[in-house]
Amino acid sequence: MKQTLHCTLFLMLLSILNMKAQQDIDLSMGASYANQVYFKLSNLTTTSYPGSVWDLAFLRTGQDDIGIRINDHAGIKVYEVTTNTNAWDDIPVTTEAQSEWTQLYNSETTWTGAFDNGSATYGFGEYNPDNQHIEGSVIFVLKYADGTYRKFLNQDAFNGYTFKYATWNTSTNAWGEDTTVTLENTNNPNNTYNFYSLETGEEVYAQPATTDWDFVATKYISDYNGNGSLFWPVTGVLHNDQVTVAQNEEMEGATENPTLTYSDEINTIGSDWKTYVSSVEYDVNSDMAYYVKYADNSVYRIYFTAFEGSSTGNLSFAFENVTQSLGVEELDNNVTFGVYPNPSSDGKINLIYDVAKSGTNHLTIYSMQGSKILETSLSSQQGFYNKTLDLSHLQKGVYMLNFTSGDYTISKKVILK
């Protein structure tokens, strides 16, 4: 009975610490959702880019990784027109011709692009075994929200992309002069995509480095009914494929040790955390919590608290680092131990331990190379302890912490950011 009380008190304090660590975040996409807004939970970094600054995004992570996304956020539509590349000079832009075009869509569950869904083997082209390049075999037309048309052919993909395009001139009812561009994968080596504006004829910067964001607030096209019968523009949140996300309905707030199933589908957060009421009002489902998990097993719990729609583009959410509360460990029926926060952004961590009987408590910290960084004795009396440890003098990185109480030892990785 006494140990049950100790454990309950331990979890209560950990819950209180988590509540103190909860942070409220306000983001703004701007009126009419003018911007795409990226956010990184571990360091509270917000990065915003004009949503209309780019037309195409080219996957650049490796020589064999190819993919082209259309800018859903800007309302640009892409159509497959023909697999006859010799017809480049004779693409009509008439109502009758457009009825024969096939609209393509970005995936909303992966970062696969609309052009990758074309009818060629590789979406927009075929593999040439002689030079190991993907050579363009499909002509596309892009239709912009303002009625502008541009035809596009990605001619070659290998360590980059070579493409040509032209703009339809409504005054002459003819295509303008061709522009040919080569976009190297070596550009922006820390990013997943390189971005290009066909309107300005320039490469643009429209996304943080891959490691500098967890999710983006944006507009995208959703398969509304889930069966391909209706594609509809929505505003929501897509996550980086460097993290996974689990959702869990929590009517009474955060629950202890919830059963979570993490998904790599980038729309796990998506758009359904809010419901349209009127042009100036949305209902936000704050009972739906989302757990964002990093590769190092750090976990952040978030839930949305407000959404103002297109009038301001403002949205709000609360989040906390729940890594430790999801993994409090009991060494035996006499000792419970945890570390919080982990990762630590300021170099300070709390050691939270509950010992039911007197004994020797010892703490050692090692570098990942095995060098002993710190060694200290902790209180040997029974009781509940919350000790702050200042490690800000250490370099940022990963360390191994060993906590020993009597005959029991536990090891934990501690991350200093």
Foldseek 3Di string as FASTA:
>chain_A
DVLVVLVVVLLVVVVVVQVVQKDKDKDFCFFQSQWKWFADPVVGDIDIDGLPPFAKKWFQQDQPDTAIAGRVQQVKWKWWQDLAPVCVQPQADDPVSVVPTHTFFQDQFDRHHRQCCAPEPRSQAPADVVVRKGAGRIKMWMAGPVGKIKIKTFGIGGQWTKIKMWTQDPVVSGTDDIDIDTGGSPPPNQARIWTHHPVVGDTDDRDDGLVRGFKMFGWGWDPVVPPNPDIDIATWMFTRLQKWKWKDQAPPPDDQQDDTDTDSGRCNRPHPQWADDDQFDIRGNQRIWMWIAGPVGWIKIKGWDDAGHNRTRMTMMMMGTCSFSNPWDAQDSFKTWTKPDAADAQQKIKIKMAGNAFFWKWKWKAAPVGHTDDIDTDGRGGGIDIDMDHRNVDDFAKMWMWIDTHPTIDIDIGGYD
